[in-house]
């Protein structure tokens, strides 16, 4: 039997179990692993947030004798906590390039405060627990989405964010479903056990994941090995294996990081960006200037090798001047000022995305504070049935998330919507969701309400996914050093929507009824769509559509 008989087709030697362990160890250093863990983190965060929705009226109104306005106050407290946790964690994470441990701290805090909420006996205890939940959630969201943007870029970021948004939707809207079923089966004790189980499982995944900077380093190292192998084959064919060591040194020092070799990701539809090294320059200490120096030198040596069959002459040339320019660029890039949140807010696309987040996610969050009260008062439904009704929003939102992310990064689709681009998806989805929500308010029976919720879930998901994609793409164009900060802004905007809209809607519903309240929510979506369309419409009239789809098109998102 040969020595290689134990080597599998996948290239791993040893027993099946040892090969499996090594494959798992390698997988935790891939972009796909970052995406999976971040999506799980977002799901765990949002499912815990939504668990209380079905039984909150029973606790506040029946047990504590509070008015319906208290429901909105608790949802608002969660948003206030996010306003504290998101920016602080984003600054720390971007400043010191750490993602893993803030995520772990956020998860432990979320699990502990959720158990505290389940066993609270007074309203002030619920308020404190909800504030702490919000702080933990802010950490998870800002850092988790920043991790995805660290390792995915270009066309891949929209698809990646679409998957992450499906985790958000599944937790955000699936939480009430699980909350109703679990509370109906075992009360608050069962809720506490469920939260503890989710925390433990998620904690294991977060502990085994490597830091994104280490993931990028592993991807770059793998690309370098592939390039070295290809170079060795070429040298063997030319019979000049040792004649030009400077070419191999250039490869080893960074030409691969500056090249267009695709980073390898196990998911076939989610390939890490070809520019992954450009994004990871600060993380793996390979600057674009250094890559340029090596690339210029390597190009010169390869040209000399091909034309003369010997090493390049070390005489002054234009190449030396190019290297000096590249080294100057390296020095300037190393001293570049870090992007702040204020810098991000000065960018119209980022500011517009924050507004869209407030309107779209705020509209989705409006159902958590209004729908359980409406169902209990009009149809006398139990907490279990209230949870089941939320399935009508969950399923279509989960399905449409990845599809929306895919189309939002499709060049043909974007060119047809130029200059609106990805904003076109948000505008169309917001207007269509506004119509569906208005129809929801006009329903007269449970069947009509469920059908309307299906349309609302589909269209709201269609409108929400491009928001995160736009933010990531625009930060990439700005230099890619503020991913956690930009998603902290997303989280803050989400919190503003959660604080304002669900908090003010219950009193409005007490005054004017459910139908008129849904009309208010629809109006919020229409207002957001109008504001988002102002700048693209101005550009359309000023430059004409041809300026965005020609041979040298103007940039748009």
Protein backbone atom coordinates (compact mmCIF):
# COMPACT_ATOMS: atom_id res chain seq x y z
CA UNK A 1 0.00 0.00 0.00
CA UNK A 2 1.38 3.44 -0.94
CA UNK A 3 2.24 6.12 1.59
CA UNK A 4 -0.48 8.33 0.19
CA UNK A 5 -3.26 5.77 0.60
CA UNK A 6 -4.73 7.67 3.54
CA UNK A 7 -4.90 10.96 1.67
CA UNK A 8 -8.48 11.74 0.65
CA UNK A 9 -9.67 13.33 -2.55
CA UNK A 10 -9.85 16.64 -0.71
CA UNK A 11 -6.08 16.58 -0.06
CA UNK A 12 -6.30 15.89 3.70
CA UNK A 13 -4.41 12.90 5.09
CA UNK A 14 -5.06 10.72 8.12
CA UNK A 15 -8.26 9.13 9.36
CA UNK A 16 -11.70 10.38 8.37
CA UNK A 17 -12.13 12.02 11.77
CA UNK A 18 -8.77 13.80 11.65
CA UNK A 19 -9.49 14.98 8.09
CA UNK A 20 -12.85 16.31 9.25
CA UNK A 21 -11.20 18.19 12.14
CA UNK A 22 -8.62 19.77 9.83
CA UNK A 23 -11.27 20.74 7.29
CA UNK A 24 -13.33 22.39 10.04
CA UNK A 25 -10.23 24.18 11.30
CA UNK A 26 -9.51 25.49 7.79
CA UNK A 27 -13.15 26.48 7.30
CA UNK A 28 -13.15 28.78 10.32
CA UNK A 29 -10.55 30.88 8.47
CA UNK A 30 -12.78 31.48 5.43
CA UNK A 31 -15.08 34.40 4.51
CA UNK A 32 -18.02 31.98 4.48
CA UNK A 33 -17.42 31.18 8.17
CA UNK A 34 -17.48 34.90 8.99
CA UNK A 35 -20.78 35.25 7.12
CA UNK A 36 -22.37 32.26 8.87
CA UNK A 37 -21.33 33.35 12.37
CA UNK A 38 -22.38 36.97 11.76
CA UNK A 39 -25.76 35.87 10.40
CA UNK A 40 -26.27 33.60 13.43
CA UNK A 41 -25.36 36.53 15.68
CA UNK A 42 -27.89 38.82 14.03
CA UNK A 43 -30.53 36.08 14.21
CA UNK A 44 -29.89 35.39 17.91
CA UNK A 45 -29.99 39.09 18.69
CA UNK A 46 -33.26 39.79 16.90
CA UNK A 47 -35.06 36.60 17.94
CA UNK A 48 -34.46 37.52 21.58
CA UNK A 49 -35.72 41.02 20.84
CA UNK A 50 -38.99 39.70 19.38
CA UNK A 51 -39.71 36.92 21.88
CA UNK A 52 -41.64 39.25 24.20
CA UNK A 53 -44.07 40.57 21.57
CA UNK A 54 -46.93 38.02 21.98
CA UNK A 55 -47.04 37.94 25.79
CA UNK A 56 -46.10 41.55 26.52
CA UNK A 57 -49.77 42.70 26.67
CA UNK A 58 -50.52 39.91 29.13
CA UNK A 59 -47.66 40.94 31.42
CA UNK A 60 -48.13 44.71 31.24
CA UNK A 61 -51.90 45.07 30.95
CA UNK A 62 -53.18 41.97 32.78
CA UNK A 63 -50.55 41.41 35.48
CA UNK A 64 -49.14 44.91 36.09
CA UNK A 65 -52.23 46.94 35.14
CA UNK A 66 -50.27 49.26 32.82
CA UNK A 67 -51.77 51.15 29.88
CA UNK A 68 -50.97 50.18 26.26
CA UNK A 69 -48.49 53.07 26.07
CA UNK A 70 -46.14 51.03 28.31
CA UNK A 71 -45.68 48.57 25.43
CA UNK A 72 -44.19 51.28 23.25
CA UNK A 73 -42.01 52.55 26.10
CA UNK A 74 -40.30 49.17 26.45
CA UNK A 75 -39.58 48.98 22.72
CA UNK A 76 -38.24 52.52 22.92
CA UNK A 77 -35.93 51.58 25.80
CA UNK A 78 -34.38 48.92 23.60
CA UNK A 79 -33.62 51.55 20.96
CA UNK A 80 -32.04 53.88 23.53
CA UNK A 81 -29.73 51.07 24.61
CA UNK A 82 -28.67 50.50 21.00
CA UNK A 83 -27.83 54.20 20.68
CA UNK A 84 -25.31 53.70 23.48
CA UNK A 85 -23.84 50.34 22.51
CA UNK A 86 -23.46 50.70 18.74
CA UNK A 87 -21.21 53.78 18.40
CA UNK A 88 -18.94 52.85 21.32
CA UNK A 89 -18.37 49.30 20.09
CA UNK A 90 -17.91 50.51 16.50
CA UNK A 91 -15.20 52.98 17.52
CA UNK A 92 -13.31 50.39 19.57
CA UNK A 93 -13.68 47.72 16.88
CA UNK A 94 -12.48 49.92 14.01
CA UNK A 95 -9.77 51.65 16.04
CA UNK A 96 -8.04 48.48 17.25
CA UNK A 97 -9.25 46.12 14.52
CA UNK A 98 -10.91 43.66 16.87
CA UNK A 99 -14.23 42.04 16.02
CA UNK A 100 -14.42 38.67 17.79
CA UNK A 101 -14.29 39.66 21.46
CA UNK A 102 -16.78 42.56 21.26
CA UNK A 103 -19.16 40.07 19.63
CA UNK A 104 -18.67 37.62 22.49
CA UNK A 105 -19.18 40.31 25.13
CA UNK A 106 -22.36 41.46 23.38
CA UNK A 107 -23.74 37.92 23.25
CA UNK A 108 -23.09 37.18 26.93
CA UNK A 109 -24.70 40.48 27.87
CA UNK A 110 -27.71 39.78 25.67
CA UNK A 111 -28.28 36.35 27.19
CA UNK A 112 -27.94 37.57 30.78
CA UNK A 113 -30.26 40.55 30.35
CA UNK A 114 -32.87 38.47 28.51
CA UNK A 115 -33.04 36.01 31.40
CA UNK A 116 -33.38 38.99 33.76
CA UNK A 117 -36.27 40.30 31.66
CA UNK A 118 -38.04 36.94 31.80
CA UNK A 119 -37.97 36.91 35.62
CA UNK A 120 -38.73 40.62 36.20
CA UNK A 121 -41.70 41.36 38.52
CA UNK A 122 -41.86 45.16 38.29
CA UNK A 123 -42.03 47.62 35.41
CA UNK A 124 -38.74 49.31 36.33
CA UNK A 125 -36.99 45.94 36.19
CA UNK A 126 -38.36 45.43 32.67
CA UNK A 127 -37.10 48.87 31.67
CA UNK A 128 -33.57 48.21 33.00
CA UNK A 129 -33.41 44.79 31.34
CA UNK A 130 -34.64 46.21 28.04
CA UNK A 131 -32.06 49.01 28.10
CA UNK A 132 -29.28 46.47 28.75
CA UNK A 133 -30.61 44.30 25.93
CA UNK A 134 -30.35 47.26 23.60
CA UNK A 135 -26.71 47.95 24.55
CA UNK A 136 -25.78 44.32 23.89
CA UNK A 137 -27.69 44.37 20.61
CA UNK A 138 -25.86 47.49 19.47
CA UNK A 139 -22.52 45.74 19.97
CA UNK A 140 -23.61 42.65 18.04
CA UNK A 141 -25.08 44.54 15.08
CA UNK A 142 -22.32 47.09 14.53
CA UNK A 143 -19.46 44.61 14.85
CA UNK A 144 -21.22 41.67 13.14
CA UNK A 145 -22.09 43.56 9.96
CA UNK A 146 -18.62 45.14 10.01
CA UNK A 147 -17.13 41.63 10.00
CA UNK A 148 -19.05 40.76 6.83
CA UNK A 149 -17.92 43.95 5.10
CA UNK A 150 -14.33 43.17 6.13
CA UNK A 151 -14.21 40.03 3.99
CA UNK A 152 -16.75 40.69 1.23
CA UNK A 153 -16.78 43.57 -1.21
CA UNK A 154 -17.85 44.56 -4.71
CA UNK A 155 -20.62 42.41 -6.13
CA UNK A 156 -20.34 39.91 -3.27
CA UNK A 157 -21.29 42.31 -0.50
CA UNK A 158 -24.92 42.65 -1.63
CA UNK A 159 -25.42 38.89 -1.67
CA UNK A 160 -23.70 38.54 1.70
CA UNK A 161 -25.81 41.28 3.26
CA UNK A 162 -28.91 39.66 1.74
CA UNK A 163 -28.14 36.47 3.64
CA UNK A 164 -27.41 38.42 6.82
CA UNK A 165 -30.69 40.29 6.41
CA UNK A 166 -32.51 36.95 6.12
CA UNK A 167 -31.08 36.08 9.53
CA UNK A 168 -32.27 39.46 10.80
CA UNK A 169 -35.76 38.94 9.36
CA UNK A 170 -36.01 35.37 10.61
CA UNK A 171 -35.17 36.53 14.13
CA UNK A 172 -36.92 39.91 14.06
CA UNK A 173 -40.24 38.53 12.84
CA UNK A 174 -39.78 34.89 13.86
CA UNK A 175 -39.12 35.87 17.47
CA UNK A 176 -42.80 36.64 18.09
CA UNK A 177 -43.75 33.24 16.61
CA UNK A 178 -41.39 31.38 18.91
CA UNK A 179 -42.26 33.63 21.83
CA UNK A 180 -45.97 32.87 21.52
CA UNK A 181 -45.46 29.10 21.27
CA UNK A 182 -42.84 28.85 24.04
CA UNK A 183 -44.68 31.15 26.44
CA UNK A 184 -47.92 29.27 25.86
CA UNK A 185 -46.15 25.98 26.66
CA UNK A 186 -44.10 26.93 29.71
CA UNK A 187 -44.40 30.61 30.59
CA UNK A 188 -41.46 32.89 31.36
CA UNK A 189 -39.32 30.03 32.69
CA UNK A 190 -39.45 28.34 29.29
CA UNK A 191 -38.49 31.64 27.64
CA UNK A 192 -35.44 31.92 29.91
CA UNK A 193 -34.33 28.36 29.11
CA UNK A 194 -34.71 28.98 25.37
CA UNK A 195 -32.64 32.18 25.54
CA UNK A 196 -29.91 30.40 27.52
CA UNK A 197 -29.77 27.60 24.93
CA UNK A 198 -29.45 30.07 22.02
CA UNK A 199 -26.71 31.94 23.88
CA UNK A 200 -24.63 28.81 24.48
CA UNK A 201 -24.88 27.57 20.89
CA UNK A 202 -24.05 30.98 19.43
CA UNK A 203 -21.20 31.45 21.90
CA UNK A 204 -19.51 28.25 20.71
CA UNK A 205 -19.56 29.45 17.09
CA UNK A 206 -18.21 32.89 18.01
CA UNK A 207 -15.38 31.38 20.07
CA UNK A 208 -14.11 29.12 17.28
CA UNK A 209 -14.24 31.82 14.60
CA UNK A 210 -10.98 33.59 13.78
CA UNK A 211 -10.66 37.35 13.59
CA UNK A 212 -11.48 38.76 10.11
CA UNK A 213 -7.93 40.10 9.84
CA UNK A 214 -6.66 36.53 10.30
CA UNK A 215 -9.18 35.30 7.74
CA UNK A 216 -7.91 37.84 5.22
CA UNK A 217 -4.34 36.88 6.00
CA UNK A 218 -5.14 33.21 5.38
CA UNK A 219 -6.86 34.03 2.07
CA UNK A 220 -3.89 36.16 0.96
CA UNK A 221 -1.46 33.40 1.98
CA UNK A 222 -3.43 30.84 0.00
CA UNK A 223 -3.41 33.12 -3.04
CA UNK A 224 0.33 33.61 -2.66
CA UNK A 225 0.88 29.84 -2.55
CA UNK A 226 -1.22 29.39 -5.68
CA UNK A 227 0.71 32.12 -7.47
CA UNK A 228 4.08 30.62 -6.40
CA UNK A 229 3.00 27.24 -7.77
CA UNK A 230 1.95 28.80 -11.06
CA UNK A 231 5.23 30.72 -11.28
CA UNK A 232 7.25 27.56 -10.60
CA UNK A 233 5.44 25.81 -13.44
CA UNK A 234 6.15 28.69 -15.79
CA UNK A 235 9.83 28.77 -14.77
CA UNK A 236 10.09 25.03 -15.34
CA UNK A 237 8.71 25.41 -18.85
CA UNK A 238 11.18 28.21 -19.58
CA UNK A 239 14.04 26.30 -18.00
CA UNK A 240 14.92 29.29 -15.83
CA UNK A 241 13.94 28.18 -12.37
CA UNK A 242 16.69 30.06 -10.57
CA UNK A 243 17.52 32.85 -13.01
CA UNK A 244 15.18 35.47 -11.65
CA UNK A 245 14.76 35.29 -7.86
CA UNK A 246 13.46 38.85 -7.75
CA UNK A 247 10.27 37.76 -9.47
CA UNK A 248 9.57 35.16 -6.80
CA UNK A 249 10.42 37.64 -4.05
CA UNK A 250 7.95 40.10 -5.54
CA UNK A 251 5.26 37.45 -5.49
CA UNK A 252 6.03 36.55 -1.89
CA UNK A 253 6.13 40.18 -0.74
CA UNK A 254 2.77 41.26 -2.01
CA UNK A 255 2.07 41.17 -5.74
CA UNK A 256 -0.70 38.66 -5.14
CA UNK A 257 -2.33 40.95 -2.63
CA UNK A 258 -2.46 43.69 -5.23
CA UNK A 259 -3.51 41.47 -8.11
CA UNK A 260 -6.87 40.32 -9.36
CA UNK A 261 -6.66 36.76 -8.06
CA UNK A 262 -9.99 35.90 -6.50
CA UNK A 263 -10.04 35.09 -2.82
CA UNK A 264 -11.43 31.63 -2.19
CA UNK A 265 -14.74 31.20 -0.41
CA UNK A 266 -16.53 27.86 -0.09
CA UNK A 267 -19.97 29.21 -0.97
CA UNK A 268 -20.34 29.11 -4.78
CA UNK A 269 -22.48 32.22 -4.98
CA UNK A 270 -20.48 34.24 -2.49
CA UNK A 271 -16.88 34.78 -3.56
CA UNK A 272 -14.71 37.11 -1.54
CA UNK A 273 -13.84 40.21 -3.46
CA UNK A 274 -10.88 40.25 -5.85
CA UNK A 275 -9.94 43.43 -4.00
CA UNK A 276 -9.87 41.63 -0.67
CA UNK A 277 -6.23 42.55 -0.07
CA UNK A 278 -6.89 46.17 -0.77
CA UNK A 279 -9.55 46.10 1.94
CA UNK A 280 -7.29 44.20 4.33
CA UNK A 281 -4.27 46.48 3.99
CA UNK A 282 -4.64 47.87 7.50
CA UNK A 283 -5.36 44.43 8.92
CA UNK A 284 -2.51 42.31 7.51
CA UNK A 285 0.00 45.17 7.20
CA UNK A 286 0.23 45.01 3.40
CA UNK A 287 -0.37 48.45 1.99
CA UNK A 288 -1.38 49.25 -1.54
CA UNK A 289 1.83 51.24 -1.88
CA UNK A 290 3.99 48.23 -1.05
CA UNK A 291 1.99 46.07 -3.42
CA UNK A 292 2.52 48.67 -6.13
CA UNK A 293 6.30 48.68 -5.52
CA UNK A 294 6.46 44.91 -5.81
CA UNK A 295 4.13 44.80 -8.81
CA UNK A 296 6.21 47.40 -10.72
CA UNK A 297 9.44 45.53 -9.96
CA UNK A 298 7.91 42.16 -10.84
CA UNK A 299 6.46 43.43 -14.12
CA UNK A 300 9.91 44.75 -15.06
CA UNK A 301 11.63 41.47 -14.17
CA UNK A 302 9.06 39.29 -15.98
CA UNK A 303 9.36 41.45 -19.10
CA UNK A 304 13.14 41.14 -18.97
CA UNK A 305 12.87 37.39 -18.46
CA UNK A 306 10.60 36.93 -21.45
CA UNK A 307 12.50 39.20 -23.84
CA UNK A 308 16.14 38.51 -22.89
CA UNK A 309 16.00 35.16 -21.12
CA UNK A 310 18.09 36.55 -18.25
CA UNK A 311 17.65 38.70 -15.13
CA UNK A 312 16.84 42.35 -15.67
CA UNK A 313 19.66 44.87 -15.71
CA UNK A 314 19.94 46.98 -12.60
CA UNK A 315 20.28 50.30 -14.39
CA UNK A 316 18.31 53.49 -13.82
CA UNK A 317 15.01 53.52 -15.71
CA UNK A 318 11.47 54.77 -15.59
CA UNK A 319 10.70 51.79 -13.37
CA UNK A 320 12.81 53.28 -10.57
CA UNK A 321 10.84 56.50 -10.80
CA UNK A 322 7.59 54.52 -10.64
CA UNK A 323 8.85 52.74 -7.53
CA UNK A 324 9.67 56.07 -5.87
CA UNK A 325 6.15 57.30 -6.63
CA UNK A 326 4.65 54.11 -5.20
CA UNK A 327 6.75 54.43 -2.04
CA UNK A 328 5.56 58.03 -1.71
CA UNK A 329 1.97 56.79 -2.01
CA UNK A 330 2.70 54.22 0.71
CA UNK A 331 3.94 56.96 3.06
CA UNK A 332 0.92 59.16 2.41
CA UNK A 333 -1.58 56.32 2.87
CA UNK A 334 -0.03 55.32 6.20
CA UNK A 335 -0.61 58.80 7.59
CA UNK A 336 -4.17 59.15 6.28
CA UNK A 337 -6.71 60.37 8.85
CA UNK A 338 -9.25 57.81 9.99
CA UNK A 339 -12.83 58.18 8.79
CA UNK A 340 -15.18 59.30 11.56
CA UNK A 341 -18.94 58.92 11.89
CA UNK A 342 -19.30 62.63 11.15
CA UNK A 343 -17.37 62.13 7.90
CA UNK A 344 -19.77 59.34 6.97
CA UNK A 345 -22.86 61.44 7.72
CA UNK A 346 -21.55 64.16 5.38
CA UNK A 347 -21.90 61.66 2.52
CA UNK A 348 -25.39 61.86 0.99
CA UNK A 349 -25.69 58.08 0.27
CA UNK A 350 -24.96 57.25 3.92
CA UNK A 351 -27.33 59.91 5.23
CA UNK A 352 -30.04 58.74 2.83
CA UNK A 353 -29.56 55.14 3.98
CA UNK A 354 -29.97 56.22 7.60
CA UNK A 355 -33.28 57.88 6.70
CA UNK A 356 -34.41 54.79 4.78
CA UNK A 357 -33.51 52.63 7.78
CA UNK A 358 -35.67 54.76 10.05
CA UNK A 359 -38.68 54.61 7.74
CA UNK A 360 -38.45 51.00 6.50
CA UNK A 361 -37.42 49.22 9.72
CA UNK A 362 -39.57 51.59 11.77
CA UNK A 363 -42.57 50.63 9.66
CA UNK A 364 -41.80 46.93 10.15
CA UNK A 365 -41.36 47.47 13.88
CA UNK A 366 -44.73 49.20 14.11
CA UNK A 367 -46.49 45.82 14.03
CA UNK A 368 -44.81 44.65 17.22
CA UNK A 369 -46.47 47.34 19.33
CA UNK A 370 -49.81 47.55 17.50
CA UNK A 371 -50.72 44.18 15.98
CA UNK A 372 -50.84 42.14 19.24
CA UNK A 373 -53.15 44.75 20.81
CA UNK A 374 -55.36 44.85 17.69
CA UNK A 375 -55.62 41.04 17.50
CA UNK A 376 -56.37 40.70 21.20
CA UNK A 377 -59.06 43.41 21.19
CA UNK A 378 -60.81 42.61 17.89
CA UNK A 379 -60.38 38.84 17.57
CA UNK A 380 -59.71 37.88 21.22
CA UNK A 381 -56.65 35.86 20.17
CA UNK A 382 -54.23 34.14 22.55
CA UNK A 383 -50.49 34.78 22.69
CA UNK A 384 -49.89 31.57 20.71
CA UNK A 385 -52.17 32.66 17.84
CA UNK A 386 -50.58 36.12 17.83
CA UNK A 387 -47.19 34.48 17.36
CA UNK A 388 -48.49 32.29 14.53
CA UNK A 389 -49.93 35.31 12.70
CA UNK A 390 -46.43 36.80 12.50
CA UNK A 391 -45.41 33.84 10.30
CA UNK A 392 -47.22 35.65 7.47
CA UNK A 393 -44.51 38.34 7.61
CA UNK A 394 -41.57 36.06 8.43
CA UNK A 395 -41.60 33.55 5.58
CA UNK A 396 -41.80 35.96 2.62
CA UNK A 397 -39.24 38.30 4.19
CA UNK A 398 -36.73 35.47 4.67
CA UNK A 399 -37.20 34.28 1.08
CA UNK A 400 -36.98 37.71 -0.52
CA UNK A 401 -33.86 38.82 1.40
CA UNK A 402 -31.19 36.94 -0.61
CA UNK A 403 -33.08 37.54 -3.88
CA UNK A 404 -33.20 41.27 -3.23
CA UNK A 405 -29.49 41.29 -2.39
CA UNK A 406 -28.69 39.45 -5.61
CA UNK A 407 -30.70 41.80 -7.84
CA UNK A 408 -29.39 44.86 -6.00
CA UNK A 409 -25.87 43.95 -7.16
CA UNK A 410 -26.82 42.92 -10.70
CA UNK A 411 -25.18 45.36 -13.12
CA UNK A 412 -27.92 45.04 -15.75
CA UNK A 413 -30.64 45.70 -13.19
CA UNK A 414 -28.73 48.67 -11.77
CA UNK A 415 -28.11 50.18 -15.21
CA UNK A 416 -31.82 50.01 -15.98
CA UNK A 417 -32.53 51.95 -12.79
CA UNK A 418 -29.73 54.50 -13.35
CA UNK A 419 -29.17 56.97 -11.77
CA UNK A 420 -31.38 55.64 -8.95
CA UNK A 421 -29.49 52.33 -8.82
CA UNK A 422 -29.93 50.50 -5.52
CA UNK A 423 -31.97 53.40 -4.20
CA UNK A 424 -34.51 52.48 -6.86
CA UNK A 425 -35.15 49.17 -5.10
CA UNK A 426 -35.69 50.96 -1.79
CA UNK A 427 -38.03 53.54 -3.35
CA UNK A 428 -40.13 50.99 -5.25
CA UNK A 429 -40.28 48.63 -2.27
CA UNK A 430 -41.26 51.44 0.13
CA UNK A 431 -44.09 52.70 -2.07
CA UNK A 432 -45.43 49.20 -2.70
CA UNK A 433 -45.18 48.33 1.02
CA UNK A 434 -47.07 51.54 1.86
CA UNK A 435 -49.97 50.39 -0.34
CA UNK A 436 -49.97 46.95 1.30
CA UNK A 437 -49.97 48.46 4.81
CA UNK A 438 -52.87 50.77 3.91
CA UNK A 439 -54.80 47.72 2.71
CA UNK A 440 -53.91 45.94 5.96
CA UNK A 441 -55.68 48.64 7.93
CA UNK A 442 -58.81 48.19 5.82
CA UNK A 443 -59.16 44.42 6.40
CA UNK A 444 -62.31 43.20 8.13
CA UNK A 445 -61.39 39.58 8.93
CA UNK A 446 -58.41 37.47 9.95
CA UNK A 447 -57.90 35.95 6.48
CA UNK A 448 -57.62 39.35 4.82
CA UNK A 449 -55.22 40.51 7.52
CA UNK A 450 -52.92 37.51 7.00
CA UNK A 451 -52.87 37.96 3.22
CA UNK A 452 -51.99 41.64 3.62
CA UNK A 453 -49.19 40.74 6.04
CA UNK A 454 -47.69 38.40 3.41
CA UNK A 455 -47.46 41.28 0.94
CA UNK A 456 -46.07 43.60 3.62
CA UNK A 457 -43.34 41.11 4.54
CA UNK A 458 -42.35 40.57 0.92
CA UNK A 459 -42.18 44.24 -0.04
CA UNK A 460 -40.54 45.44 3.18
CA UNK A 461 -37.77 42.87 2.73
CA UNK A 462 -37.33 43.97 -0.88
CA UNK A 463 -36.85 47.57 0.29
CA UNK A 464 -34.59 46.93 3.28
CA UNK A 465 -31.77 44.71 1.95
CA UNK A 466 -30.17 47.28 -0.45
CA UNK A 467 -29.67 49.69 2.46
CA UNK A 468 -26.84 47.65 3.96
CA UNK A 469 -25.36 46.98 0.52
CA UNK A 470 -25.24 50.70 -0.35
CA UNK A 471 -23.51 51.51 2.93
CA UNK A 472 -20.85 48.85 2.41
CA UNK A 473 -20.19 49.78 -1.23
CA UNK A 474 -19.89 53.49 -0.46
CA UNK A 475 -17.47 52.93 2.44
CA UNK A 476 -15.41 50.71 0.14
CA UNK A 477 -15.20 53.60 -2.33
CA UNK A 478 -14.11 55.90 0.51
CA UNK A 479 -11.19 53.64 1.43
CA UNK A 480 -12.76 50.86 3.49
CA UNK A 481 -11.61 51.83 7.00
CA UNK A 482 -15.00 52.41 8.66
CA UNK A 483 -17.22 49.38 8.14
CA UNK A 484 -18.10 48.95 11.82
CA UNK A 485 -18.79 52.69 12.09
CA UNK A 486 -21.13 52.77 9.08
CA UNK A 487 -23.11 49.79 10.38
CA UNK A 488 -23.20 51.42 13.79
CA UNK A 489 -24.93 54.32 12.02
CA UNK A 490 -27.32 51.79 10.51
CA UNK A 491 -28.00 50.42 13.97
CA UNK A 492 -28.48 53.92 15.40
CA UNK A 493 -30.94 54.80 12.63
CA UNK A 494 -32.73 51.52 13.27
CA UNK A 495 -32.90 52.44 16.96
CA UNK A 496 -34.35 55.87 16.19
CA UNK A 497 -37.08 54.16 14.18
CA UNK A 498 -37.72 51.71 17.01
CA UNK A 499 -37.77 54.48 19.62
CA UNK A 500 -40.07 56.87 17.80
CA UNK A 501 -42.48 54.90 15.62
CA UNK A 502 -43.50 51.95 17.87
CA UNK A 503 -43.58 54.27 20.90
CA UNK A 504 -45.98 56.85 19.45
CA UNK A 505 -48.25 54.42 17.58
CA UNK A 506 -50.11 52.77 20.52
CA UNK A 507 -51.48 56.13 21.79
CA UNK A 508 -52.39 57.07 18.22
CA UNK A 509 -54.22 53.76 17.81
CA UNK A 510 -56.14 54.37 21.05
CA UNK A 511 -57.26 57.73 19.66
CA UNK A 512 -58.01 57.01 15.98
CA UNK A 513 -58.13 53.22 15.62
CA UNK A 514 -56.05 50.58 13.85
CA UNK A 515 -56.95 51.53 10.27
CA UNK A 516 -55.91 55.16 10.63
CA UNK A 517 -52.73 54.09 12.44
CA UNK A 518 -51.75 51.91 9.46
CA UNK A 519 -52.38 54.96 7.29
CA UNK A 520 -49.82 56.87 9.37
CA UNK A 521 -47.26 54.06 8.88
CA UNK A 522 -47.91 54.06 5.12
CA UNK A 523 -47.38 57.82 5.02
CA UNK A 524 -44.00 57.43 6.74
CA UNK A 525 -42.87 55.04 4.00
CA UNK A 526 -44.07 57.37 1.25
CA UNK A 527 -42.24 60.30 2.84
CA UNK A 528 -39.01 58.29 2.97
CA UNK A 529 -39.34 57.25 -0.69
CA UNK A 530 -39.86 60.87 -1.78
CA UNK A 531 -36.77 62.10 0.08
CA UNK A 532 -34.61 59.29 -1.33
CA UNK A 533 -35.63 60.16 -4.89
CA UNK A 534 -34.65 63.87 -4.71
CA UNK A 535 -30.91 63.63 -5.48
CA UNK A 536 -31.12 60.89 -8.17
CA UNK A 537 -33.96 62.78 -9.87
CA UNK A 538 -31.91 65.98 -9.85
CA UNK A 539 -28.97 64.11 -11.40
CA UNK A 540 -31.26 62.58 -14.01
CA UNK A 541 -32.50 65.99 -15.18
CA UNK A 542 -29.06 67.62 -14.97
CA UNK A 543 -26.94 64.99 -16.75
CA UNK A 544 -29.45 62.80 -18.56
CA UNK A 545 -29.71 59.04 -18.24
CA UNK A 546 -27.11 58.45 -20.95
CA UNK A 547 -24.40 59.93 -18.71
CA UNK A 548 -24.80 56.96 -16.34
CA UNK A 549 -24.84 54.10 -18.87
CA UNK A 550 -22.34 55.19 -21.56
CA UNK A 551 -18.73 54.17 -22.19
CA UNK A 552 -17.49 56.39 -19.35
CA UNK A 553 -20.47 56.42 -16.98
CA UNK A 554 -20.81 58.58 -13.89
CA UNK A 555 -20.73 56.70 -10.60
CA UNK A 556 -24.02 55.94 -8.88
CA UNK A 557 -25.14 53.52 -6.18
